[in-house]
Amino acid sequence: MTKADLVATMAKASRMTKKAAETSLETALKSIRDSLKKGKKVTLVGFGTFSVARRAARNGRNPQTGRAIRIPAARVPRFKAGKDLKNAVR
């Protein structure tokens, strides 16, 4: 499913225009993104939890040259599916 498909589904289910559905989706995604930037968790009960984790610095290898490189530490987004989502997918 693409973003356009999701917007169309939201618009049909809620009887709103596609533009209004797209604005709603963008607002929700922006809110999640902003919370994660601040290091806060976002929990959607029944769906899952978005959080930020630290990934330690590590050694890697350039696949083109085979040369060893140092990959710096980073903050990365994580998602843990909720019980209802897991059961729906099974």
N, C-alpha and C. Protein backbone atom coordinates (compact mmCIF):
# COMPACT_ATOMS: atom_id res chain seq x y z
N MET A 1 0.86 -1.18 0.00
CA MET A 1 0.00 0.00 0.00
C MET A 1 0.90 1.23 0.00
N THR A 2 0.60 2.14 -0.88
CA THR A 2 1.36 3.38 -0.95
C THR A 2 0.66 4.46 -0.12
N LYS A 3 1.34 5.58 0.02
CA LYS A 3 0.75 6.70 0.76
C LYS A 3 -0.55 7.16 0.09
N ALA A 4 -0.56 7.20 -1.24
CA ALA A 4 -1.76 7.61 -1.97
C ALA A 4 -2.92 6.64 -1.71
N ASP A 5 -2.61 5.34 -1.67
CA ASP A 5 -3.64 4.34 -1.37
C ASP A 5 -4.19 4.53 0.04
N LEU A 6 -3.29 4.80 0.98
CA LEU A 6 -3.70 5.03 2.36
C LEU A 6 -4.58 6.26 2.48
N VAL A 7 -4.22 7.33 1.79
CA VAL A 7 -5.02 8.56 1.80
C VAL A 7 -6.41 8.28 1.22
N ALA A 8 -6.47 7.55 0.12
CA ALA A 8 -7.75 7.22 -0.51
C ALA A 8 -8.63 6.38 0.42
N THR A 9 -8.03 5.42 1.10
CA THR A 9 -8.77 4.58 2.05
C THR A 9 -9.29 5.41 3.22
N MET A 10 -8.44 6.29 3.74
CA MET A 10 -8.86 7.16 4.85
C MET A 10 -10.00 8.07 4.43
N ALA A 11 -9.90 8.63 3.24
CA ALA A 11 -10.93 9.55 2.74
C ALA A 11 -12.27 8.83 2.59
N LYS A 12 -12.23 7.64 2.03
CA LYS A 12 -13.46 6.87 1.82
C LYS A 12 -14.09 6.45 3.15
N ALA A 13 -13.27 5.96 4.08
CA ALA A 13 -13.77 5.48 5.37
C ALA A 13 -14.35 6.60 6.23
N SER A 14 -13.77 7.78 6.14
CA SER A 14 -14.22 8.88 7.00
C SER A 14 -15.10 9.89 6.26
N ARG A 15 -15.38 9.62 4.98
CA ARG A 15 -16.22 10.50 4.16
C ARG A 15 -15.71 11.95 4.13
N MET A 16 -14.40 12.08 3.96
CA MET A 16 -13.80 13.40 3.81
C MET A 16 -13.10 13.46 2.46
N THR A 17 -12.67 14.62 2.08
CA THR A 17 -11.96 14.75 0.81
C THR A 17 -10.58 14.13 0.92
N LYS A 18 -10.02 13.82 -0.22
CA LYS A 18 -8.66 13.26 -0.22
C LYS A 18 -7.67 14.28 0.32
N LYS A 19 -7.89 15.56 0.02
CA LYS A 19 -7.00 16.62 0.52
C LYS A 19 -7.03 16.67 2.04
N ALA A 20 -8.24 16.58 2.62
CA ALA A 20 -8.37 16.61 4.09
C ALA A 20 -7.74 15.36 4.70
N ALA A 21 -7.91 14.21 4.06
CA ALA A 21 -7.31 12.97 4.56
C ALA A 21 -5.79 13.05 4.49
N GLU A 22 -5.27 13.62 3.40
CA GLU A 22 -3.82 13.76 3.27
C GLU A 22 -3.27 14.69 4.34
N THR A 23 -3.97 15.78 4.61
CA THR A 23 -3.55 16.72 5.65
C THR A 23 -3.55 16.03 7.02
N SER A 24 -4.58 15.24 7.29
CA SER A 24 -4.65 14.51 8.56
C SER A 24 -3.49 13.53 8.71
N LEU A 25 -3.21 12.79 7.64
CA LEU A 25 -2.11 11.83 7.67
C LEU A 25 -0.77 12.55 7.87
N GLU A 26 -0.54 13.63 7.13
CA GLU A 26 0.70 14.39 7.26
C GLU A 26 0.87 14.94 8.68
N THR A 27 -0.23 15.42 9.26
CA THR A 27 -0.18 15.96 10.62
C THR A 27 0.17 14.87 11.63
N ALA A 28 -0.42 13.69 11.47
CA ALA A 28 -0.13 12.58 12.38
C ALA A 28 1.33 12.15 12.25
N LEU A 29 1.81 12.01 11.03
CA LEU A 29 3.20 11.60 10.82
C LEU A 29 4.19 12.64 11.33
N LYS A 30 3.86 13.92 11.14
CA LYS A 30 4.72 15.00 11.64
C LYS A 30 4.78 14.98 13.16
N SER A 31 3.65 14.73 13.80
CA SER A 31 3.61 14.67 15.26
C SER A 31 4.47 13.53 15.78
N ILE A 32 4.40 12.38 15.12
CA ILE A 32 5.22 11.23 15.52
C ILE A 32 6.69 11.57 15.32
N ARG A 33 7.03 12.13 14.17
CA ARG A 33 8.41 12.50 13.85
C ARG A 33 8.96 13.50 14.87
N ASP A 34 8.17 14.53 15.21
CA ASP A 34 8.62 15.55 16.16
C ASP A 34 8.84 14.97 17.55
N SER A 35 7.97 14.06 17.97
CA SER A 35 8.13 13.43 19.28
C SER A 35 9.39 12.58 19.31
N LEU A 36 9.65 11.84 18.25
CA LEU A 36 10.85 11.01 18.19
C LEU A 36 12.11 11.86 18.17
N LYS A 37 12.07 13.01 17.50
CA LYS A 37 13.23 13.91 17.50
C LYS A 37 13.57 14.36 18.92
N LYS A 38 12.54 14.55 19.75
CA LYS A 38 12.74 14.97 21.13
C LYS A 38 13.11 13.79 22.04
N GLY A 39 13.13 12.56 21.49
CA GLY A 39 13.48 11.39 22.27
C GLY A 39 12.31 10.78 23.01
N LYS A 40 11.09 11.21 22.70
CA LYS A 40 9.90 10.69 23.38
C LYS A 40 9.35 9.48 22.64
N LYS A 41 8.70 8.58 23.39
CA LYS A 41 8.01 7.43 22.82
C LYS A 41 6.64 7.86 22.33
N VAL A 42 6.15 7.19 21.30
CA VAL A 42 4.79 7.41 20.82
C VAL A 42 4.10 6.05 20.85
N THR A 43 3.08 5.92 21.68
CA THR A 43 2.36 4.66 21.82
C THR A 43 0.96 4.80 21.27
N LEU A 44 0.63 3.95 20.32
CA LEU A 44 -0.72 3.88 19.76
C LEU A 44 -1.29 2.54 20.22
N VAL A 45 -2.12 2.58 21.24
CA VAL A 45 -2.64 1.36 21.87
C VAL A 45 -3.30 0.48 20.82
N GLY A 46 -2.92 -0.78 20.79
CA GLY A 46 -3.46 -1.73 19.84
C GLY A 46 -2.69 -1.78 18.54
N PHE A 47 -1.88 -0.76 18.25
CA PHE A 47 -1.11 -0.73 17.00
C PHE A 47 0.37 -0.99 17.28
N GLY A 48 0.97 -0.14 18.14
CA GLY A 48 2.38 -0.34 18.44
C GLY A 48 3.01 0.89 19.06
N THR A 49 4.32 0.80 19.27
CA THR A 49 5.08 1.87 19.92
C THR A 49 6.27 2.25 19.06
N PHE A 50 6.40 3.54 18.80
CA PHE A 50 7.56 4.09 18.12
C PHE A 50 8.49 4.62 19.20
N SER A 51 9.79 4.37 19.06
CA SER A 51 10.75 4.87 20.04
C SER A 51 12.07 5.15 19.34
N VAL A 52 13.01 5.73 20.09
CA VAL A 52 14.34 6.03 19.57
C VAL A 52 15.35 5.20 20.36
N ALA A 53 16.28 4.56 19.64
CA ALA A 53 17.31 3.75 20.27
C ALA A 53 18.68 4.27 19.85
N ARG A 54 19.68 3.96 20.64
CA ARG A 54 21.06 4.32 20.31
C ARG A 54 21.73 3.12 19.65
N ARG A 55 22.41 3.36 18.56
CA ARG A 55 23.19 2.31 17.92
C ARG A 55 24.66 2.67 18.14
N ALA A 56 25.41 1.76 18.70
CA ALA A 56 26.81 2.01 19.03
C ALA A 56 27.65 2.13 17.76
N ALA A 57 28.78 2.82 17.89
CA ALA A 57 29.73 2.92 16.79
C ALA A 57 30.29 1.52 16.51
N ARG A 58 30.59 1.27 15.25
CA ARG A 58 31.10 -0.06 14.91
C ARG A 58 31.98 0.03 13.67
N ASN A 59 32.69 -1.05 13.42
CA ASN A 59 33.52 -1.14 12.23
C ASN A 59 32.71 -1.79 11.11
N GLY A 60 32.91 -1.31 9.90
CA GLY A 60 32.22 -1.87 8.75
C GLY A 60 33.20 -2.00 7.60
N ARG A 61 32.65 -2.34 6.44
CA ARG A 61 33.50 -2.52 5.28
C ARG A 61 32.81 -1.90 4.07
N ASN A 62 33.56 -1.12 3.29
CA ASN A 62 33.05 -0.55 2.06
C ASN A 62 32.87 -1.69 1.06
N PRO A 63 31.64 -1.94 0.59
CA PRO A 63 31.43 -3.09 -0.30
C PRO A 63 32.10 -2.94 -1.67
N GLN A 64 32.36 -1.72 -2.11
CA GLN A 64 33.01 -1.54 -3.42
C GLN A 64 34.50 -1.78 -3.36
N THR A 65 35.13 -1.30 -2.28
CA THR A 65 36.60 -1.40 -2.21
C THR A 65 37.07 -2.47 -1.23
N GLY A 66 36.19 -2.89 -0.31
CA GLY A 66 36.59 -3.86 0.70
C GLY A 66 37.37 -3.23 1.84
N ARG A 67 37.51 -1.92 1.80
CA ARG A 67 38.29 -1.19 2.80
C ARG A 67 37.50 -1.05 4.10
N ALA A 68 38.17 -1.18 5.25
CA ALA A 68 37.54 -1.04 6.56
C ALA A 68 37.18 0.43 6.79
N ILE A 69 35.99 0.66 7.33
CA ILE A 69 35.55 2.02 7.66
C ILE A 69 34.96 2.02 9.06
N ARG A 70 34.89 3.19 9.65
CA ARG A 70 34.32 3.35 10.99
C ARG A 70 32.92 3.94 10.82
N ILE A 71 31.91 3.25 11.32
CA ILE A 71 30.54 3.73 11.26
C ILE A 71 30.23 4.38 12.61
N PRO A 72 29.89 5.67 12.62
CA PRO A 72 29.68 6.37 13.89
C PRO A 72 28.40 5.93 14.61
N ALA A 73 28.34 6.24 15.89
CA ALA A 73 27.14 5.96 16.69
C ALA A 73 25.99 6.80 16.13
N ALA A 74 24.77 6.31 16.32
CA ALA A 74 23.61 7.02 15.78
C ALA A 74 22.37 6.75 16.61
N ARG A 75 21.44 7.67 16.51
CA ARG A 75 20.10 7.46 17.08
C ARG A 75 19.23 6.95 15.94
N VAL A 76 18.49 5.87 16.18
CA VAL A 76 17.68 5.28 15.12
C VAL A 76 16.25 5.06 15.61
N PRO A 77 15.26 5.21 14.71
CA PRO A 77 13.88 4.94 15.11
C PRO A 77 13.62 3.44 15.20
N ARG A 78 12.77 3.07 16.13
CA ARG A 78 12.37 1.67 16.32
C ARG A 78 10.86 1.60 16.36
N PHE A 79 10.31 0.46 15.99
CA PHE A 79 8.87 0.23 16.09
C PHE A 79 8.65 -1.16 16.64
N LYS A 80 7.80 -1.24 17.67
CA LYS A 80 7.43 -2.53 18.24
C LYS A 80 5.93 -2.68 18.06
N ALA A 81 5.54 -3.69 17.32
CA ALA A 81 4.12 -3.92 17.04
C ALA A 81 3.37 -4.29 18.31
N GLY A 82 2.14 -3.80 18.41
CA GLY A 82 1.28 -4.12 19.55
C GLY A 82 0.61 -5.47 19.36
N LYS A 83 -0.01 -5.96 20.41
CA LYS A 83 -0.65 -7.27 20.42
C LYS A 83 -1.73 -7.39 19.34
N ASP A 84 -2.59 -6.39 19.23
CA ASP A 84 -3.67 -6.44 18.25
C ASP A 84 -3.14 -6.50 16.82
N LEU A 85 -2.10 -5.73 16.53
CA LEU A 85 -1.49 -5.75 15.20
C LEU A 85 -0.87 -7.11 14.90
N LYS A 86 -0.16 -7.66 15.88
CA LYS A 86 0.46 -8.98 15.69
C LYS A 86 -0.60 -10.04 15.41
N ASN A 87 -1.70 -10.00 16.18
CA ASN A 87 -2.75 -10.99 15.99
C ASN A 87 -3.46 -10.81 14.65
N ALA A 88 -3.61 -9.59 14.18
CA ALA A 88 -4.26 -9.34 12.89
C ALA A 88 -3.43 -9.87 11.73
N VAL A 89 -2.11 -9.82 11.87
CA VAL A 89 -1.22 -10.25 10.80
C VAL A 89 -1.10 -11.78 10.77
N ARG A 90 -1.23 -12.42 11.90
CA ARG A 90 -1.09 -13.89 11.96
C ARG A 90 -2.17 -14.53 11.23
